[in-house]
C-alpha atoms as a PDB file:
ATOM      1  CA  MET A   1      56.905  67.282  18.656  1.00  0.00           C
ATOM      2  CA  HIS A   2      58.415  69.648  15.965  1.00  0.00           C
ATOM      3  CA  ARG A   3      61.324  71.817  16.637  1.00  0.00           C
ATOM      4  CA  PRO A   4      60.451  75.621  17.340  1.00  0.00           C
ATOM      5  CA  GLY A   5      60.011  77.686  14.138  1.00  0.00           C
ATOM      6  CA  THR A   6      59.310  74.362  12.033  1.00  0.00           C
ATOM      7  CA  ASN A   7      57.488  75.399   8.683  1.00  0.00           C
ATOM      8  CA  PRO A   8      54.486  73.302   8.892  1.00  0.00           C
ATOM      9  CA  ASP A   9      54.449  72.931   4.859  1.00  0.00           C
ATOM     10  CA  ASN A  10      57.992  72.149   4.763  1.00  0.00           C
ATOM     11  CA  VAL A  11      58.562  69.713   7.649  1.00  0.00           C
ATOM     12  CA  GLN A  12      62.306  67.872   7.459  1.00  0.00           C
ATOM     13  CA  GLN A  13      63.467  64.827   9.482  1.00  0.00           C
ATOM     14  CA  SER A  14      65.770  67.146  11.671  1.00  0.00           C
ATOM     15  CA  ASP A  15      62.558  69.350  12.660  1.00  0.00           C
ATOM     16  CA  VAL A  16      60.945  66.296  14.394  1.00  0.00           C
ATOM     17  CA  LEU A  17      62.016  65.753  18.387  1.00  0.00           C
ATOM     18  CA  CYS A  18      61.496  63.109  20.705  1.00  0.00           C
ATOM     19  CA  ASP A  19      58.716  64.450  23.183  1.00  0.00           C
ATOM     20  CA  PHE A  20      60.733  62.729  26.113  1.00  0.00           C
ATOM     21  CA  CYS A  21      64.278  63.773  25.560  1.00  0.00           C
ATOM     22  CA  ARG A  22      64.317  66.378  22.861  1.00  0.00           C
ATOM     23  CA  ARG A  23      66.638  64.600  20.607  1.00  0.00           C
ATOM     24  CA  GLU A  24      66.260  65.093  16.848  1.00  0.00           C
ATOM     25  CA  TRP A  25      65.028  62.204  14.756  1.00  0.00           C
ATOM     26  CA  THR A  26      68.044  60.806  12.451  1.00  0.00           C
ATOM     27  CA  ASP A  27      68.523  57.686  10.290  1.00  0.00           C
ATOM     28  CA  ASP A  28      70.040  55.859  13.152  1.00  0.00           C
ATOM     29  CA  LEU A  29      67.050  56.822  15.814  1.00  0.00           C
ATOM     30  CA  PRO A  30      64.357  54.973  15.625  1.00  0.00           C
ATOM     31  CA  VAL A  31      61.152  56.801  16.670  1.00  0.00           C
ATOM     32  CA  ILE A  32      57.132  56.024  17.096  1.00  0.00           C
ATOM     33  CA  GLU A  33      54.471  58.975  16.274  1.00  0.00           C
ATOM     34  CA  GLY A  34      51.382  59.067  18.409  1.00  0.00           C
ATOM     35  CA  HIS A  35      48.590  61.438  18.341  1.00  0.00           C
ATOM     36  CA  GLN A  36      48.814  65.117  17.084  1.00  0.00           C
ATOM     37  CA  GLY A  37      52.464  64.357  15.786  1.00  0.00           C
ATOM     38  CA  SER A  38      53.882  63.534  19.505  1.00  0.00           C
ATOM     39  CA  ILE A  39      56.806  61.232  19.607  1.00  0.00           C
ATOM     40  CA  ILE A  40      59.024  59.034  21.472  1.00  0.00           C
ATOM     41  CA  CYS A  41      62.324  57.737  20.431  1.00  0.00           C
ATOM     42  CA  GLY A  42      63.951  54.357  20.745  1.00  0.00           C
ATOM     43  CA  HIS A  43      65.979  55.209  23.753  1.00  0.00           C
ATOM     44  CA  CYS A  44      63.128  56.760  25.688  1.00  0.00           C
ATOM     45  CA  LEU A  45      60.877  53.899  24.817  1.00  0.00           C
ATOM     46  CA  ALA A  46      63.438  51.443  26.147  1.00  0.00           C
ATOM     47  CA  LEU A  47      63.522  53.318  29.207  1.00  0.00           C
ATOM     48  CA  ALA A  48      59.517  53.904  29.917  1.00  0.00           C
ATOM     49  CA  TYR A  49      59.303  49.832  28.810  1.00  0.00           C
ATOM     50  CA  ARG A  50      61.757  48.981  31.598  1.00  0.00           C
ATOM     51  CA  LEU A  51      60.145  50.883  34.288  1.00  0.00           C
ATOM     52  CA  ILE A  52      56.414  49.942  33.361  1.00  0.00           C
ATOM     53  CA  VAL A  53      56.585  46.929  31.766  1.00  0.00           C
ATOM     54  CA  LEU A  54      59.677  44.710  33.392  1.00  0.00           C
ATOM     55  CA  ASN A  55      59.602  46.175  36.632  1.00  0.00           C
ATOM     56  CA  LYS A  56      56.113  46.945  37.001  1.00  0.00           C
ATOM     57  CA  SER A  57      56.377  50.304  38.405  1.00  0.00           C
ATOM     58  CA  GLY A  58      55.595  54.126  37.333  1.00  0.00           C
ATOM     59  CA  ASN A  59      56.815  57.454  37.942  1.00  0.00           C
ATOM     60  CA  ALA A  60      53.904  59.493  36.609  1.00  0.00           C
ATOM     61  CA  PRO A  61      51.360  61.163  38.636  1.00  0.00           C
ATOM     62  CA  GLU A  62      47.827  59.003  38.741  1.00  0.00           C
ATOM     63  CA  GLY A  63      45.782  59.562  36.185  1.00  0.00           C
ATOM     64  CA  ALA A  64      48.253  61.650  34.074  1.00  0.00           C
ATOM     65  CA  LYS A  65      47.483  62.564  30.316  1.00  0.00           C
ATOM     66  CA  CYS A  66      49.312  60.274  27.931  1.00  0.00           C
ATOM     67  CA  THR A  67      51.536  62.468  25.526  1.00  0.00           C
ATOM     68  CA  MET A  68      51.313  59.632  22.699  1.00  0.00           C
ATOM     69  CA  CYS A  69      47.271  58.978  22.953  1.00  0.00           C
ATOM     70  CA  LEU A  70      46.090  61.626  24.864  1.00  0.00           C
ATOM     71  CA  GLU A  71      43.875  60.069  27.495  1.00  0.00           C
ATOM     72  CA  HIS A  72      43.919  60.162  30.994  1.00  0.00           C
ATOM     73  CA  ARG A  73      44.399  56.253  31.911  1.00  0.00           C
ATOM     74  CA  ALA A  74      44.231  54.458  35.292  1.00  0.00           C
ATOM     75  CA  GLU A  75      47.580  52.432  34.954  1.00  0.00           C
ATOM     76  CA  LEU A  76      50.790  52.689  35.289  1.00  0.00           C
ATOM     77  CA  ALA A  77      53.021  55.480  33.268  1.00  0.00           C
ATOM     78  CA  TRP A  78      56.511  56.700  33.016  1.00  0.00           C
ATOM     79  CA  GLN A  79      56.957  60.595  33.046  1.00  0.00           C
ATOM     80  CA  SER A  80      60.301  61.846  31.091  1.00  0.00           C
ATOM     81  CA  PRO A  81      62.582  63.216  34.039  1.00  0.00           C
ATOM     82  CA  ALA A  82      63.644  65.739  31.690  1.00  0.00           C
ATOM     83  CA  TYR A  83      60.269  67.030  30.694  1.00  0.00           C
ATOM     84  CA  PRO A  84      57.635  66.187  32.994  1.00  0.00           C
ATOM     85  CA  GLU A  85      54.638  67.335  30.463  1.00  0.00           C
ATOM     86  CA  ALA A  86      55.618  64.443  28.568  1.00  0.00           C
ATOM     87  CA  VAL A  87      53.946  61.003  29.838  1.00  0.00           C
ATOM     88  CA  ILE A  88      53.568  57.503  28.106  1.00  0.00           C
ATOM     89  CA  CYS A  89      51.051  55.306  29.556  1.00  0.00           C
ATOM     90  CA  LYS A  90      51.364  51.391  29.676  1.00  0.00           C
ATOM     91  CA  ARG A  91      49.376  50.685  26.811  1.00  0.00           C
ATOM     92  CA  CYS A  92      50.952  52.842  24.641  1.00  0.00           C
ATOM     93  CA  THR A  93      54.075  51.807  25.782  1.00  0.00           C
ATOM     94  CA  ASN A  94      53.598  48.088  24.984  1.00  0.00           C
ATOM     95  CA  GLN A  95      51.683  49.153  21.329  1.00  0.00           C
ATOM     96  CA  ALA A  96      55.121  51.222  20.590  1.00  0.00           C
ATOM     97  CA  ALA A  97      57.450  48.298  21.438  1.00  0.00           C
ATOM     98  CA  ALA A  98      55.433  45.837  19.705  1.00  0.00           C
ATOM     99  CA  THR A  99      55.369  48.193  16.889  1.00  0.00           C
ATOM    100  CA  LEU A 100      59.295  49.261  16.546  1.00  0.00           C
ATOM    101  CA  SER A 101      60.699  45.643  17.419  1.00  0.00           C
ATOM    102  CA  LYS A 102      58.974  44.331  13.884  1.00  0.00           C
ATOM    103  CA  ASP A 103      60.327  47.309  11.879  1.00  0.00           C
ATOM    104  CA  LYS A 104      63.102  46.140   9.835  1.00  0.00           C
ATOM    105  CA  ASP A 105      64.800  49.234   9.141  1.00  0.00           C
ATOM    106  CA  TYR A 106      66.248  48.962  12.867  1.00  0.00           C
ATOM    107  CA  ASN A 107      67.366  46.910  15.252  1.00  0.00           C
ATOM    108  CA  TRP A 108      65.344  47.996  18.102  1.00  0.00           C
ATOM    109  CA  GLN A 109      64.515  45.176  20.393  1.00  0.00           C
ATOM    110  CA  LYS A 110      62.097  45.494  23.736  1.00  0.00           C
ATOM    111  CA  PRO A 111      64.607  45.534  26.703  1.00  0.00           C
ATOM    112  CA  GLN A 112      64.767  42.245  28.838  1.00  0.00           C
END
């Protein structure tokens, strides 16, 4: 997501915020982008991964629309405790974790 008031013709790194916690994107905070500018940071992705993949649980309402893929999916999903409109499905969690763990610019690893 973009900070309110962001100039769409001049988006700065500091204008990009995690949809799930509203942290600002910085050089040391890894983020993954979804559809239509949705963003999840490495911290929130780790929380989602632990709940959905490792614990095989979810806290989002069944069939909730995923913020990242914009689909209503019948699978486990994580809902941000701070921003309940922000939900990530299991498929997007797995894809984002796989992508971010391969990014050589960050030392992000899938939680174990």
